[in-house]
Amino acid sequence: MTGVQTCALPISSLVNNIATSGNYAYIANGENELVTVDVSDPALPTILGTYAYNSGNAYGVAVEGHFAYIADGTNGLVIVDISDLTAPTLEGVYNTAGVASHVAIAGDYAYVADGVNGLVVVDVADPSSPSIEGTYNTAGNAYDVAVEGNHAYVADGTNGLAIINITDPSSLTLADTYDTNVLAKGVAVSGSYAYVADGDGGGLVIVNISDPADASSSAVY
C-alpha cells in the first residue's frame, strides 16, 4: 500500500528539519527559524507561532519539555521557551565556533553537530545560561548527530560515521569511525544499528554498532 498525503501546509523559506511532541510539530524553517504547528488534526494543520533570533538560519531542531533547541547556523545553539506556542520566547544562546546544523538532547546536555568544528556538547541544565561542556573536532564536517547511551553518532561528511564516547561529556574521545564512501549527511540510531544517509549516490548505509568501538557495515541501499 502506498502512502497517501493527508495535507500539505505551505511554509515560506526552507523547511530544513522537524521535531514532534504530542499534537505539535516544530519546524526548523531557515531564515524564519522556528515555526510551531498544531497537527492535532493532520488534515488541517495550523501555524500557531514563530520565533526568529538575530538573522539566523535554523537547520535543525529538537524538543525537550517546554524548550525547543535550535541548531541555528552561525548563531550556534538557540534555546526557545515554547510554553506558549503562539508566542515562543528566547531562553538562552550558546554561540558555537562552527556552523550548527543539527542537535540532539540527552539529559542535561545538547549535542551539536557544528560543521568543521565537529561535535560540541553544551550544558543546558539551566536553559537560560547554556555553557560549553566539551568538544571533539572530528576529521570531517559534522552535519548531523544522534545520541544513544554513552555514544554520539556523527554524520561527518567525507569522514563517514564518527562514533564519539560521551561517558564524560567534558572529555570526549573517539570510539571508532566507519567510512561510508561518499558524504555522510544524516544519521539515525535504533538498537544495534546506525542508519546513515550518505549523500548523492551513496544511498543508505546501515552500520552495525553493537560494539561502538568496532563498527562494521551491514548493508548499503
Protein backbone atom coordinates (compact mmCIF):
# COMPACT_ATOMS: atom_id res chain seq x y z
CA MET A 1 0.00 0.00 0.00
CA THR A 2 1.39 3.40 -0.92
CA GLY A 3 1.29 6.37 1.41
CA VAL A 4 -1.47 8.92 0.94
CA GLN A 5 -0.85 12.60 1.58
CA THR A 6 -3.25 13.91 4.20
CA CYS A 7 -2.42 17.57 3.88
CA ALA A 8 0.33 19.96 2.87
CA LEU A 9 0.97 23.18 4.77
CA PRO A 10 2.80 25.78 2.67
CA ILE A 11 5.57 27.47 4.65
CA SER A 12 7.91 30.15 3.32
CA SER A 13 11.69 29.78 3.45
CA LEU A 14 13.44 26.42 3.73
CA VAL A 15 11.93 23.65 5.81
CA ASN A 16 15.18 22.05 6.98
CA ASN A 17 14.14 19.82 9.85
CA ILE A 18 11.19 18.94 12.07
CA ALA A 19 10.55 17.61 15.57
CA THR A 20 7.23 16.48 17.00
CA SER A 21 5.86 16.33 20.53
CA GLY A 22 2.27 15.41 21.28
CA ASN A 23 -0.07 17.30 18.97
CA TYR A 24 2.56 19.76 17.82
CA ALA A 25 5.27 19.98 15.20
CA TYR A 26 8.30 22.24 15.50
CA ILE A 27 9.89 23.26 12.22
CA ALA A 28 13.43 24.50 11.63
CA ASN A 29 12.48 26.96 8.94
CA GLY A 30 15.67 28.51 7.63
CA GLU A 31 15.58 32.29 7.89
CA ASN A 32 12.19 32.14 9.63
CA GLU A 33 13.83 29.88 12.21
CA LEU A 34 11.22 28.23 14.49
CA VAL A 35 7.64 27.64 13.38
CA THR A 36 5.19 25.90 15.74
CA VAL A 37 2.31 23.98 14.16
CA ASP A 38 -0.80 22.36 15.63
CA VAL A 39 -1.14 18.92 14.00
CA SER A 40 -3.89 17.54 16.23
CA ASP A 41 -5.97 17.31 13.04
CA PRO A 42 -3.50 16.04 10.40
CA ALA A 43 -5.93 17.07 7.67
CA LEU A 44 -5.92 20.67 8.89
CA PRO A 45 -2.57 21.70 10.40
CA THR A 46 -2.37 25.29 11.58
CA ILE A 47 0.56 27.56 12.30
CA LEU A 48 0.50 28.75 15.91
CA GLY A 49 3.60 30.88 16.26
CA THR A 50 7.08 31.74 15.03
CA TYR A 51 10.37 32.81 16.54
CA ALA A 52 13.47 34.21 14.84
CA TYR A 53 16.75 35.17 16.51
CA ASN A 54 19.39 37.56 15.22
CA SER A 55 19.13 36.84 11.49
CA GLY A 56 19.93 33.17 11.97
CA ASN A 57 19.32 30.16 9.78
CA ALA A 58 17.65 27.22 11.51
CA TYR A 59 18.95 23.90 10.23
CA GLY A 60 17.93 21.52 13.00
CA VAL A 61 15.57 21.36 15.97
CA ALA A 62 14.98 19.13 18.97
CA VAL A 63 12.30 19.46 21.64
CA GLU A 64 12.54 18.52 25.30
CA GLY A 65 9.98 19.61 27.89
CA HIS A 66 8.87 23.14 27.14
CA PHE A 67 12.00 24.12 25.28
CA ALA A 68 12.97 23.91 21.62
CA TYR A 69 16.68 23.63 20.89
CA ILE A 70 17.63 25.08 17.52
CA ALA A 71 20.83 24.44 15.59
CA ASP A 72 20.94 27.95 14.21
CA GLY A 73 23.89 28.06 11.84
CA THR A 74 26.40 30.77 12.73
CA ASN A 75 24.36 31.65 15.84
CA GLY A 76 25.13 28.24 17.33
CA LEU A 77 22.58 26.78 19.74
CA VAL A 78 19.46 28.86 20.35
CA ILE A 79 17.06 27.75 23.10
CA VAL A 80 13.44 28.88 22.85
CA ASP A 81 10.75 28.67 25.53
CA ILE A 82 7.68 27.11 23.90
CA SER A 83 5.41 27.18 26.95
CA ASP A 84 3.16 29.47 24.92
CA LEU A 85 3.20 28.01 21.43
CA THR A 86 1.59 31.12 19.99
CA ALA A 87 4.38 33.34 21.29
CA PRO A 88 7.71 31.49 21.69
CA THR A 89 10.38 33.49 23.51
CA LEU A 90 14.15 33.38 23.73
CA GLU A 91 15.53 31.44 26.70
CA GLY A 92 19.26 31.20 26.03
CA VAL A 93 22.03 31.13 23.41
CA TYR A 94 25.40 29.44 23.13
CA ASN A 95 27.37 30.59 20.09
CA THR A 96 29.43 27.65 18.91
CA ALA A 97 32.60 28.19 16.89
CA GLY A 98 31.28 26.48 13.76
CA VAL A 99 28.01 26.34 11.84
CA ALA A 100 25.44 24.46 13.93
CA SER A 101 23.44 22.16 11.66
CA HIS A 102 21.74 19.66 13.97
CA VAL A 103 21.20 19.00 17.65
CA ALA A 104 20.27 16.08 19.90
CA ILE A 105 19.26 16.31 23.56
CA ALA A 106 20.18 13.74 26.21
CA GLY A 107 19.78 14.53 29.89
CA ASP A 108 21.25 17.92 30.75
CA TYR A 109 23.25 18.17 27.55
CA ALA A 110 22.74 19.32 23.99
CA TYR A 111 24.94 17.62 21.40
CA VAL A 112 25.50 19.93 18.45
CA ALA A 113 26.79 18.91 15.02
CA ASP A 114 28.88 22.02 14.39
CA GLY A 115 30.32 21.69 10.90
CA VAL A 116 34.13 21.90 10.70
CA ASN A 117 34.17 22.35 14.48
CA GLY A 118 32.93 18.77 14.96
CA LEU A 119 30.81 17.77 17.94
CA VAL A 120 30.06 20.34 20.65
CA VAL A 121 28.46 19.43 23.98
CA VAL A 122 26.54 22.22 25.70
CA ASP A 123 25.33 22.04 29.30
CA VAL A 124 21.67 23.04 29.21
CA ALA A 125 20.74 22.17 32.79
CA ASP A 126 19.92 25.87 33.07
CA PRO A 127 18.47 26.67 29.62
CA SER A 128 18.73 30.38 30.30
CA SER A 129 22.50 30.11 30.71
CA PRO A 130 23.89 27.35 28.47
CA SER A 131 27.62 26.72 28.76
CA ILE A 132 30.26 24.71 26.96
CA GLU A 133 30.93 21.25 28.41
CA GLY A 134 33.16 19.60 25.83
CA THR A 135 34.15 19.37 22.17
CA TYR A 136 35.56 16.80 19.80
CA ASN A 137 36.91 18.06 16.49
CA THR A 138 36.05 15.29 14.07
CA ALA A 139 38.08 14.79 10.90
CA GLY A 140 35.22 15.76 8.61
CA ASN A 141 32.31 18.19 8.58
CA ALA A 142 29.71 17.33 11.23
CA TYR A 143 26.27 17.53 9.61
CA ASP A 144 24.08 15.51 11.97
CA VAL A 145 24.19 13.76 15.33
CA ALA A 146 22.26 11.08 17.19
CA VAL A 147 22.83 10.02 20.79
CA GLU A 148 22.31 6.56 22.22
CA GLY A 149 23.63 5.51 25.61
CA ASN A 150 27.24 6.53 26.11
CA HIS A 151 27.92 7.36 22.47
CA ALA A 152 27.19 10.11 19.98
CA TYR A 153 26.97 9.12 16.32
CA VAL A 154 28.05 11.90 13.99
CA ALA A 155 27.34 12.07 10.25
CA ASP A 156 30.73 13.54 9.45
CA GLY A 157 30.75 14.27 5.74
CA THR A 158 33.66 12.71 3.86
CA ASN A 159 34.82 11.15 7.14
CA GLY A 160 31.72 8.94 7.19
CA LEU A 161 30.28 7.93 10.56
CA ALA A 162 32.23 9.10 13.61
CA ILE A 163 31.38 7.45 16.92
CA ILE A 164 32.25 9.52 19.99
CA ASN A 165 32.36 8.23 23.54
CA ILE A 166 30.40 10.71 25.69
CA THR A 167 30.64 8.91 29.03
CA ASP A 168 32.39 12.03 30.30
CA PRO A 169 30.88 14.93 28.31
CA SER A 170 33.76 17.17 29.34
CA SER A 171 36.35 14.78 27.91
CA LEU A 172 35.11 13.29 24.66
CA THR A 173 37.04 10.51 22.94
CA LEU A 174 36.81 8.82 19.56
CA ALA A 175 35.47 5.27 19.75
CA ASP A 176 35.59 4.42 16.04
CA THR A 177 34.84 5.63 12.53
CA TYR A 178 33.25 3.98 9.55
CA ASP A 179 33.93 5.21 6.01
CA THR A 180 30.60 5.38 4.19
CA ASN A 181 32.39 6.16 0.89
CA VAL A 182 30.53 9.32 -0.18
CA LEU A 183 29.27 12.10 2.12
CA ALA A 184 27.57 11.22 5.41
CA LYS A 185 24.92 13.91 5.98
CA GLY A 186 22.28 12.31 8.20
CA VAL A 187 22.17 9.66 10.91
CA ALA A 188 19.57 7.85 12.99
CA VAL A 189 20.18 5.11 15.56
CA SER A 190 17.91 2.23 16.50
CA GLY A 191 19.03 -0.75 18.53
CA SER A 192 22.33 -2.12 17.26
CA TYR A 193 22.34 -0.18 14.00
CA ALA A 194 23.16 3.30 12.77
CA TYR A 195 21.38 4.35 9.58
CA VAL A 196 23.46 6.83 7.61
CA ALA A 197 22.26 8.98 4.71
CA ASP A 198 25.35 9.01 2.51
CA GLY A 199 24.82 11.94 0.18
CA ASP A 200 24.37 11.93 -3.59
CA GLY A 201 24.89 8.39 -4.85
CA GLY A 202 25.88 6.88 -1.51
CA GLY A 203 22.39 5.78 -0.59
CA LEU A 204 21.52 4.38 2.82
CA VAL A 205 24.39 2.78 4.72
CA ILE A 206 23.46 0.58 7.68
CA VAL A 207 26.28 0.21 10.18
CA ASN A 208 26.39 -2.43 12.91
CA ILE A 209 27.17 -0.61 16.15
CA SER A 210 26.57 -3.45 18.59
CA ASP A 211 30.18 -2.76 19.58
CA PRO A 212 30.61 1.03 19.12
CA ALA A 213 34.39 0.60 19.27
CA ASP A 214 34.31 -1.75 16.28
CA ALA A 215 31.71 -0.50 13.80
CA SER A 216 31.13 -2.59 10.69
CA SER A 217 28.90 -2.17 7.65
CA SER A 218 25.89 -4.44 7.39
CA ALA A 219 24.24 -3.24 4.19
CA VAL A 220 24.16 -0.48 1.62
CA TYR A 221 20.99 0.51 -0.25
